[in-house]
């Protein structure tokens, strides 16, 4: 229920709805009028950093993330909800205020496909803090990222989730989880540009890499749990629709 207006008290009104400040000002009783608020505001926090330009199976992480964002956007329009977007890297790249309408959703889809960021790196905290500051009205915010970010954003996420309903969607590739045994491989950090050769035929190297991934995922899950944020992880070779349905069923 959302506050709508005040009007003069009428016989039969609930005395608990009396607005005592307005009543004192005008010398006669006024009551608060509330309306059921069905319209939601949905925000997409979309990671556009360079680490998303990676994929070894069906598609890049960026392509899957774009599909998921578009699916959520179309669902919001079908429900007659407002939809907006925050594109972020290690800065706020672009903010599209929430609106309704077919023209608006097509504009969002075009930006999701064609947007080119100025920065290559990632800072999830800056996006979360921007959401908290820019939107005064409560919204449902979907944070779409691979969450390859070493900044500490747990406190910012906790604060944001108290004000809004934040949902985290992680997109990742299976080769971040497990390296293939293909011998010498040259790897490059997409965000820093650092390059080095690694010997993937080394069983120890593959084990250390997998342990790093497990530890990283555990830390990420701990952040979401402590912040009371619902989250789902989707691999680029998996069905993201099923993962989203499972997430929404759990939230209901």
C-alpha atoms as a PDB file:
ATOM      1  CA  UNK A   1       0.000   0.000   0.000  1.00  0.00           C
ATOM      2  CA  UNK A   2       1.312   3.435  -0.976  1.00  0.00           C
ATOM      3  CA  UNK A   3       0.303   6.842   0.393  1.00  0.00           C
ATOM      4  CA  UNK A   4      -1.847   8.773  -2.107  1.00  0.00           C
ATOM      5  CA  UNK A   5      -3.305  11.911  -0.497  1.00  0.00           C
ATOM      6  CA  UNK A   6      -5.109  13.376   2.513  1.00  0.00           C
ATOM      7  CA  UNK A   7      -8.797  14.315   2.633  1.00  0.00           C
ATOM      8  CA  UNK A   8     -11.280  15.479   5.253  1.00  0.00           C
ATOM      9  CA  UNK A   9     -12.466  12.904   7.724  1.00  0.00           C
ATOM     10  CA  UNK A  10     -15.812  11.294   6.877  1.00  0.00           C
ATOM     11  CA  UNK A  11     -18.112   9.291   9.077  1.00  0.00           C
ATOM     12  CA  UNK A  12     -16.981   5.665   9.103  1.00  0.00           C
ATOM     13  CA  UNK A  13     -13.283   6.367   8.414  1.00  0.00           C
ATOM     14  CA  UNK A  14     -10.787   4.474  10.535  1.00  0.00           C
ATOM     15  CA  UNK A  15      -9.479   6.842  13.218  1.00  0.00           C
ATOM     16  CA  UNK A  16      -6.080   5.164  12.872  1.00  0.00           C
ATOM     17  CA  UNK A  17      -5.734   6.818   9.450  1.00  0.00           C
ATOM     18  CA  UNK A  18      -6.025  10.353  10.849  1.00  0.00           C
ATOM     19  CA  UNK A  19      -3.085  12.557   9.860  1.00  0.00           C
ATOM     20  CA  UNK A  20      -2.551  14.491  13.082  1.00  0.00           C
ATOM     21  CA  UNK A  21      -0.128  17.001  11.581  1.00  0.00           C
ATOM     22  CA  UNK A  22      -2.592  18.114   8.895  1.00  0.00           C
ATOM     23  CA  UNK A  23      -5.461  17.960  11.384  1.00  0.00           C
ATOM     24  CA  UNK A  24      -3.636  20.312  13.775  1.00  0.00           C
ATOM     25  CA  UNK A  25      -2.782  22.693  10.936  1.00  0.00           C
ATOM     26  CA  UNK A  26      -6.348  23.097   9.653  1.00  0.00           C
ATOM     27  CA  UNK A  27      -8.257  22.625  12.910  1.00  0.00           C
ATOM     28  CA  UNK A  28     -10.416  19.783  11.579  1.00  0.00           C
ATOM     29  CA  UNK A  29      -9.719  16.074  11.079  1.00  0.00           C
ATOM     30  CA  UNK A  30      -8.014  14.797   7.921  1.00  0.00           C
ATOM     31  CA  UNK A  31      -7.218  11.183   7.069  1.00  0.00           C
ATOM     32  CA  UNK A  32      -4.509   9.604   4.937  1.00  0.00           C
ATOM     33  CA  UNK A  33      -5.657   7.803   1.803  1.00  0.00           C
ATOM     34  CA  UNK A  34      -3.702   4.771   0.622  1.00  0.00           C
ATOM     35  CA  UNK A  35      -3.800   2.941  -2.690  1.00  0.00           C
ATOM     36  CA  UNK A  36      -2.650  -0.555  -3.501  1.00  0.00           C
ATOM     37  CA  UNK A  37       0.541  -0.240  -5.486  1.00  0.00           C
ATOM     38  CA  UNK A  38       0.743  -2.893  -8.200  1.00  0.00           C
ATOM     39  CA  UNK A  39       3.227  -1.181 -10.460  1.00  0.00           C
ATOM     40  CA  UNK A  40       6.823  -2.255  -9.925  1.00  0.00           C
ATOM     41  CA  UNK A  41      10.070  -0.634 -10.937  1.00  0.00           C
ATOM     42  CA  UNK A  42      12.694  -3.028 -12.272  1.00  0.00           C
ATOM     43  CA  UNK A  43      16.344  -2.007 -12.625  1.00  0.00           C
ATOM     44  CA  UNK A  44      19.032  -3.904 -14.508  1.00  0.00           C
ATOM     45  CA  UNK A  45      22.603  -3.393 -13.277  1.00  0.00           C
ATOM     46  CA  UNK A  46      24.575  -4.628 -16.284  1.00  0.00           C
ATOM     47  CA  UNK A  47      28.317  -5.304 -16.108  1.00  0.00           C
ATOM     48  CA  UNK A  48      30.017  -4.166 -19.342  1.00  0.00           C
ATOM     49  CA  UNK A  49      33.665  -4.781 -18.360  1.00  0.00           C
ATOM     50  CA  UNK A  50      36.060  -6.658 -20.653  1.00  0.00           C
ATOM     51  CA  UNK A  51      36.125  -9.843 -18.591  1.00  0.00           C
ATOM     52  CA  UNK A  52      32.761 -10.725 -20.124  1.00  0.00           C
ATOM     53  CA  UNK A  53      34.371 -11.113 -23.565  1.00  0.00           C
ATOM     54  CA  UNK A  54      35.179 -14.748 -22.892  1.00  0.00           C
ATOM     55  CA  UNK A  55      33.512 -18.011 -23.820  1.00  0.00           C
ATOM     56  CA  UNK A  56      34.640 -21.506 -24.807  1.00  0.00           C
ATOM     57  CA  UNK A  57      31.424 -23.378 -25.565  1.00  0.00           C
ATOM     58  CA  UNK A  58      28.258 -21.917 -27.114  1.00  0.00           C
ATOM     59  CA  UNK A  59      28.618 -18.181 -26.481  1.00  0.00           C
ATOM     60  CA  UNK A  60      30.551 -15.460 -24.707  1.00  0.00           C
ATOM     61  CA  UNK A  61      29.568 -14.458 -21.203  1.00  0.00           C
ATOM     62  CA  UNK A  62      28.546 -11.054 -22.564  1.00  0.00           C
ATOM     63  CA  UNK A  63      26.109 -12.639 -25.041  1.00  0.00           C
ATOM     64  CA  UNK A  64      24.402 -14.731 -22.388  1.00  0.00           C
ATOM     65  CA  UNK A  65      24.255 -11.789 -19.997  1.00  0.00           C
ATOM     66  CA  UNK A  66      22.601  -9.692 -22.735  1.00  0.00           C
ATOM     67  CA  UNK A  67      20.012 -12.417 -23.386  1.00  0.00           C
ATOM     68  CA  UNK A  68      19.177 -12.682 -19.687  1.00  0.00           C
ATOM     69  CA  UNK A  69      18.854  -8.898 -19.365  1.00  0.00           C
ATOM     70  CA  UNK A  70      16.584  -8.746 -22.428  1.00  0.00           C
ATOM     71  CA  UNK A  71      14.425 -11.585 -21.071  1.00  0.00           C
ATOM     72  CA  UNK A  72      13.944  -9.798 -17.747  1.00  0.00           C
ATOM     73  CA  UNK A  73      13.218  -6.506 -19.553  1.00  0.00           C
ATOM     74  CA  UNK A  74      10.516  -8.053 -21.735  1.00  0.00           C
ATOM     75  CA  UNK A  75       8.981  -9.748 -18.686  1.00  0.00           C
ATOM     76  CA  UNK A  76       8.801  -6.388 -16.901  1.00  0.00           C
ATOM     77  CA  UNK A  77       7.027  -4.770 -19.857  1.00  0.00           C
ATOM     78  CA  UNK A  78       4.575  -7.677 -20.056  1.00  0.00           C
ATOM     79  CA  UNK A  79       3.674  -6.969 -16.420  1.00  0.00           C
ATOM     80  CA  UNK A  80       3.292  -3.255 -17.184  1.00  0.00           C
ATOM     81  CA  UNK A  81       6.248  -2.447 -14.930  1.00  0.00           C
ATOM     82  CA  UNK A  82       8.808   0.277 -15.412  1.00  0.00           C
ATOM     83  CA  UNK A  83      12.275  -0.833 -16.488  1.00  0.00           C
ATOM     84  CA  UNK A  84      15.603   0.986 -16.305  1.00  0.00           C
ATOM     85  CA  UNK A  85      19.289   0.127 -16.754  1.00  0.00           C
ATOM     86  CA  UNK A  86      22.608   1.004 -15.145  1.00  0.00           C
ATOM     87  CA  UNK A  87      25.593   0.036 -17.312  1.00  0.00           C
ATOM     88  CA  UNK A  88      28.755  -0.182 -15.208  1.00  0.00           C
ATOM     89  CA  UNK A  89      32.428  -1.093 -15.424  1.00  0.00           C
ATOM     90  CA  UNK A  90      34.634   0.426 -12.725  1.00  0.00           C
ATOM     91  CA  UNK A  91      32.469   3.516 -13.182  1.00  0.00           C
ATOM     92  CA  UNK A  92      28.894   4.289 -14.160  1.00  0.00           C
ATOM     93  CA  UNK A  93      28.946   4.104 -17.942  1.00  0.00           C
ATOM     94  CA  UNK A  94      25.296   4.978 -18.587  1.00  0.00           C
ATOM     95  CA  UNK A  95      22.005   5.345 -16.707  1.00  0.00           C
ATOM     96  CA  UNK A  96      18.661   4.810 -18.431  1.00  0.00           C
ATOM     97  CA  UNK A  97      15.839   5.964 -16.098  1.00  0.00           C
ATOM     98  CA  UNK A  98      12.961   3.512 -15.637  1.00  0.00           C
ATOM     99  CA  UNK A  99      10.003   3.981 -17.975  1.00  0.00           C
ATOM    100  CA  UNK A 100       7.239   1.959 -19.595  1.00  0.00           C
ATOM    101  CA  UNK A 101       6.382   1.360 -23.217  1.00  0.00           C
ATOM    102  CA  UNK A 102       7.421  -0.580 -26.285  1.00  0.00           C
ATOM    103  CA  UNK A 103       9.621   2.227 -27.611  1.00  0.00           C
ATOM    104  CA  UNK A 104      11.520   2.345 -24.320  1.00  0.00           C
ATOM    105  CA  UNK A 105      12.088  -1.414 -24.196  1.00  0.00           C
ATOM    106  CA  UNK A 106      13.388  -1.434 -27.786  1.00  0.00           C
ATOM    107  CA  UNK A 107      15.805   1.358 -26.869  1.00  0.00           C
ATOM    108  CA  UNK A 108      17.050  -0.715 -23.914  1.00  0.00           C
ATOM    109  CA  UNK A 109      17.506  -3.816 -26.077  1.00  0.00           C
ATOM    110  CA  UNK A 110      19.480  -1.817 -28.645  1.00  0.00           C
ATOM    111  CA  UNK A 111      21.738  -0.441 -25.898  1.00  0.00           C
ATOM    112  CA  UNK A 112      22.228  -3.912 -24.402  1.00  0.00           C
ATOM    113  CA  UNK A 113      23.462  -5.163 -27.773  1.00  0.00           C
ATOM    114  CA  UNK A 114      25.487  -2.192 -29.017  1.00  0.00           C
ATOM    115  CA  UNK A 115      26.756  -0.369 -25.919  1.00  0.00           C
ATOM    116  CA  UNK A 116      30.528   0.210 -25.854  1.00  0.00           C
ATOM    117  CA  UNK A 117      32.064   1.050 -22.443  1.00  0.00           C
ATOM    118  CA  UNK A 118      34.845   3.555 -21.894  1.00  0.00           C
ATOM    119  CA  UNK A 119      36.580   1.484 -19.202  1.00  0.00           C
ATOM    120  CA  UNK A 120      37.688  -2.161 -19.247  1.00  0.00           C
ATOM    121  CA  UNK A 121      37.686  -2.936 -15.522  1.00  0.00           C
ATOM    122  CA  UNK A 122      35.066  -3.855 -12.900  1.00  0.00           C
ATOM    123  CA  UNK A 123      33.842  -2.237  -9.681  1.00  0.00           C
ATOM    124  CA  UNK A 124      30.554  -3.722  -8.484  1.00  0.00           C
ATOM    125  CA  UNK A 125      30.452  -1.391  -5.476  1.00  0.00           C
ATOM    126  CA  UNK A 126      30.161   1.764  -7.607  1.00  0.00           C
ATOM    127  CA  UNK A 127      27.072   0.351  -9.350  1.00  0.00           C
ATOM    128  CA  UNK A 128      25.428  -0.669  -6.076  1.00  0.00           C
ATOM    129  CA  UNK A 129      26.045   2.703  -4.446  1.00  0.00           C
ATOM    130  CA  UNK A 130      24.762   4.522  -7.524  1.00  0.00           C
ATOM    131  CA  UNK A 131      21.533   2.483  -7.387  1.00  0.00           C
ATOM    132  CA  UNK A 132      21.068   3.336  -3.709  1.00  0.00           C
ATOM    133  CA  UNK A 133      21.584   7.061  -4.327  1.00  0.00           C
ATOM    134  CA  UNK A 134      19.755   7.555  -7.621  1.00  0.00           C
ATOM    135  CA  UNK A 135      16.490   5.678  -6.954  1.00  0.00           C
ATOM    136  CA  UNK A 136      14.390   6.922  -4.057  1.00  0.00           C
ATOM    137  CA  UNK A 137      11.478   4.565  -4.677  1.00  0.00           C
ATOM    138  CA  UNK A 138      11.880   0.858  -3.855  1.00  0.00           C
ATOM    139  CA  UNK A 139      12.639  -1.306  -6.873  1.00  0.00           C
ATOM    140  CA  UNK A 140      13.606  -4.842  -7.815  1.00  0.00           C
ATOM    141  CA  UNK A 141      17.207  -4.703  -9.048  1.00  0.00           C
ATOM    142  CA  UNK A 142      18.850  -7.490 -11.045  1.00  0.00           C
ATOM    143  CA  UNK A 143      22.636  -7.312 -10.844  1.00  0.00           C
ATOM    144  CA  UNK A 144      24.070  -9.103 -13.908  1.00  0.00           C
ATOM    145  CA  UNK A 145      27.814  -9.770 -13.847  1.00  0.00           C
ATOM    146  CA  UNK A 146      30.557 -12.393 -13.743  1.00  0.00           C
ATOM    147  CA  UNK A 147      31.544 -10.799 -10.393  1.00  0.00           C
ATOM    148  CA  UNK A 148      35.256 -10.966 -11.178  1.00  0.00           C
ATOM    149  CA  UNK A 149      36.012  -8.117  -8.817  1.00  0.00           C
ATOM    150  CA  UNK A 150      38.328  -8.015  -5.807  1.00  0.00           C
ATOM    151  CA  UNK A 151      36.793  -4.867  -4.280  1.00  0.00           C
ATOM    152  CA  UNK A 152      34.884  -5.288  -1.017  1.00  0.00           C
ATOM    153  CA  UNK A 153      31.251  -4.487  -1.832  1.00  0.00           C
ATOM    154  CA  UNK A 154      29.431  -6.486   0.851  1.00  0.00           C
ATOM    155  CA  UNK A 155      28.508  -3.464   2.989  1.00  0.00           C
ATOM    156  CA  UNK A 156      27.222  -1.519  -0.031  1.00  0.00           C
ATOM    157  CA  UNK A 157      25.193  -4.543  -1.125  1.00  0.00           C
ATOM    158  CA  UNK A 158      23.663  -4.966   2.336  1.00  0.00           C
ATOM    159  CA  UNK A 159      22.595  -1.305   2.429  1.00  0.00           C
ATOM    160  CA  UNK A 160      21.163  -1.479  -1.098  1.00  0.00           C
ATOM    161  CA  UNK A 161      19.172  -4.617  -0.313  1.00  0.00           C
ATOM    162  CA  UNK A 162      17.575  -2.964   2.712  1.00  0.00           C
ATOM    163  CA  UNK A 163      16.239  -0.211   0.477  1.00  0.00           C
ATOM    164  CA  UNK A 164      15.563  -2.302  -2.631  1.00  0.00           C
ATOM    165  CA  UNK A 165      15.050  -5.952  -3.537  1.00  0.00           C
ATOM    166  CA  UNK A 166      18.392  -6.962  -5.055  1.00  0.00           C
ATOM    167  CA  UNK A 167      18.871 -10.176  -7.048  1.00  0.00           C
ATOM    168  CA  UNK A 168      22.310 -11.308  -8.252  1.00  0.00           C
ATOM    169  CA  UNK A 169      22.773 -13.251 -11.502  1.00  0.00           C
ATOM    170  CA  UNK A 170      26.299 -14.556 -12.109  1.00  0.00           C
ATOM    171  CA  UNK A 171      27.352 -15.659 -15.600  1.00  0.00           C
ATOM    172  CA  UNK A 172      30.534 -17.720 -15.937  1.00  0.00           C
ATOM    173  CA  UNK A 173      32.352 -20.075 -18.317  1.00  0.00           C
ATOM    174  CA  UNK A 174      33.309 -23.632 -17.438  1.00  0.00           C
ATOM    175  CA  UNK A 175      36.998 -22.952 -18.195  1.00  0.00           C
ATOM    176  CA  UNK A 176      37.106 -20.602 -15.216  1.00  0.00           C
ATOM    177  CA  UNK A 177      35.990 -23.577 -13.183  1.00  0.00           C
ATOM    178  CA  UNK A 178      38.329 -26.144 -14.716  1.00  0.00           C
ATOM    179  CA  UNK A 179      41.300 -25.752 -17.086  1.00  0.00           C
ATOM    180  CA  UNK A 180      41.610 -28.144 -20.043  1.00  0.00           C
ATOM    181  CA  UNK A 181      44.697 -30.316 -20.480  1.00  0.00           C
ATOM    182  CA  UNK A 182      46.027 -28.823 -23.744  1.00  0.00           C
ATOM    183  CA  UNK A 183      49.677 -28.183 -22.934  1.00  0.00           C
ATOM    184  CA  UNK A 184      51.212 -24.719 -23.106  1.00  0.00           C
ATOM    185  CA  UNK A 185      48.624 -21.942 -23.273  1.00  0.00           C
ATOM    186  CA  UNK A 186      49.014 -18.185 -23.465  1.00  0.00           C
ATOM    187  CA  UNK A 187      46.459 -16.422 -21.260  1.00  0.00           C
ATOM    188  CA  UNK A 188      45.591 -12.751 -21.091  1.00  0.00           C
ATOM    189  CA  UNK A 189      43.729 -10.747 -18.457  1.00  0.00           C
ATOM    190  CA  UNK A 190      41.035  -8.932 -20.448  1.00  0.00           C
ATOM    191  CA  UNK A 191      40.834  -6.061 -17.958  1.00  0.00           C
ATOM    192  CA  UNK A 192      44.514  -5.402 -17.208  1.00  0.00           C
ATOM    193  CA  UNK A 193      46.114  -6.703 -20.416  1.00  0.00           C
ATOM    194  CA  UNK A 194      48.610  -8.862 -18.471  1.00  0.00           C
ATOM    195  CA  UNK A 195      49.775 -11.922 -20.450  1.00  0.00           C
ATOM    196  CA  UNK A 196      51.608 -15.080 -19.448  1.00  0.00           C
ATOM    197  CA  UNK A 197      52.181 -18.674 -20.520  1.00  0.00           C
ATOM    198  CA  UNK A 198      50.865 -21.553 -18.407  1.00  0.00           C
ATOM    199  CA  UNK A 199      51.386 -25.311 -18.726  1.00  0.00           C
ATOM    200  CA  UNK A 200      47.921 -26.841 -18.541  1.00  0.00           C
ATOM    201  CA  UNK A 201      49.363 -30.365 -18.820  1.00  0.00           C
ATOM    202  CA  UNK A 202      50.446 -29.918 -15.174  1.00  0.00           C
ATOM    203  CA  UNK A 203      47.972 -31.735 -12.955  1.00  0.00           C
ATOM    204  CA  UNK A 204      49.075 -29.612  -9.999  1.00  0.00           C
ATOM    205  CA  UNK A 205      48.404 -26.374 -11.916  1.00  0.00           C
ATOM    206  CA  UNK A 206      44.907 -27.527 -12.861  1.00  0.00           C
ATOM    207  CA  UNK A 207      44.220 -28.546  -9.254  1.00  0.00           C
ATOM    208  CA  UNK A 208      45.412 -25.180  -7.902  1.00  0.00           C
ATOM    209  CA  UNK A 209      43.267 -23.341 -10.460  1.00  0.00           C
ATOM    210  CA  UNK A 210      40.180 -25.371  -9.529  1.00  0.00           C
ATOM    211  CA  UNK A 211      40.806 -24.760  -5.806  1.00  0.00           C
ATOM    212  CA  UNK A 212      41.071 -21.016  -6.544  1.00  0.00           C
ATOM    213  CA  UNK A 213      37.703 -21.122  -8.318  1.00  0.00           C
ATOM    214  CA  UNK A 214      35.994 -23.043  -5.490  1.00  0.00           C
ATOM    215  CA  UNK A 215      37.343 -20.596  -2.897  1.00  0.00           C
ATOM    216  CA  UNK A 216      36.262 -17.614  -5.013  1.00  0.00           C
ATOM    217  CA  UNK A 217      32.737 -18.970  -5.418  1.00  0.00           C
ATOM    218  CA  UNK A 218      32.479 -19.670  -1.720  1.00  0.00           C
ATOM    219  CA  UNK A 219      33.452 -16.084  -0.907  1.00  0.00           C
ATOM    220  CA  UNK A 220      30.900 -14.788  -3.422  1.00  0.00           C
ATOM    221  CA  UNK A 221      28.130 -16.975  -1.983  1.00  0.00           C
ATOM    222  CA  UNK A 222      29.046 -15.803   1.519  1.00  0.00           C
ATOM    223  CA  UNK A 223      28.679 -12.169   0.398  1.00  0.00           C
ATOM    224  CA  UNK A 224      25.201 -12.856  -0.992  1.00  0.00           C
ATOM    225  CA  UNK A 225      24.145 -14.823   2.095  1.00  0.00           C
ATOM    226  CA  UNK A 226      25.329 -12.145   4.546  1.00  0.00           C
ATOM    227  CA  UNK A 227      23.675  -9.428   2.472  1.00  0.00           C
ATOM    228  CA  UNK A 228      20.445 -11.483   2.298  1.00  0.00           C
ATOM    229  CA  UNK A 229      20.517 -11.296  -1.508  1.00  0.00           C
ATOM    230  CA  UNK A 230      18.963 -14.028  -3.661  1.00  0.00           C
ATOM    231  CA  UNK A 231      21.442 -15.249  -6.263  1.00  0.00           C
ATOM    232  CA  UNK A 232      21.868 -17.706  -9.109  1.00  0.00           C
ATOM    233  CA  UNK A 233      24.926 -18.768 -11.134  1.00  0.00           C
ATOM    234  CA  UNK A 234      24.574 -19.702 -14.801  1.00  0.00           C
ATOM    235  CA  UNK A 235      27.250 -21.290 -16.971  1.00  0.00           C
ATOM    236  CA  UNK A 236      27.492 -20.281 -20.632  1.00  0.00           C
ATOM    237  CA  UNK A 237      26.751 -23.844 -21.790  1.00  0.00           C
ATOM    238  CA  UNK A 238      23.672 -24.195 -19.565  1.00  0.00           C
ATOM    239  CA  UNK A 239      19.999 -23.208 -19.947  1.00  0.00           C
ATOM    240  CA  UNK A 240      19.613 -19.838 -18.225  1.00  0.00           C
ATOM    241  CA  UNK A 241      15.795 -19.958 -18.483  1.00  0.00           C
ATOM    242  CA  UNK A 242      15.658 -23.002 -16.222  1.00  0.00           C
ATOM    243  CA  UNK A 243      18.049 -21.343 -13.762  1.00  0.00           C
ATOM    244  CA  UNK A 244      15.913 -18.177 -13.651  1.00  0.00           C
ATOM    245  CA  UNK A 245      12.701 -20.181 -13.151  1.00  0.00           C
ATOM    246  CA  UNK A 246      14.326 -22.025 -10.266  1.00  0.00           C
ATOM    247  CA  UNK A 247      15.404 -18.712  -8.729  1.00  0.00           C
ATOM    248  CA  UNK A 248      11.934 -17.166  -9.034  1.00  0.00           C
ATOM    249  CA  UNK A 249      10.260 -20.288  -7.635  1.00  0.00           C
ATOM    250  CA  UNK A 250      12.554 -20.104  -4.596  1.00  0.00           C
ATOM    251  CA  UNK A 251      11.695 -16.413  -4.111  1.00  0.00           C
ATOM    252  CA  UNK A 252       7.961 -17.154  -4.130  1.00  0.00           C
END
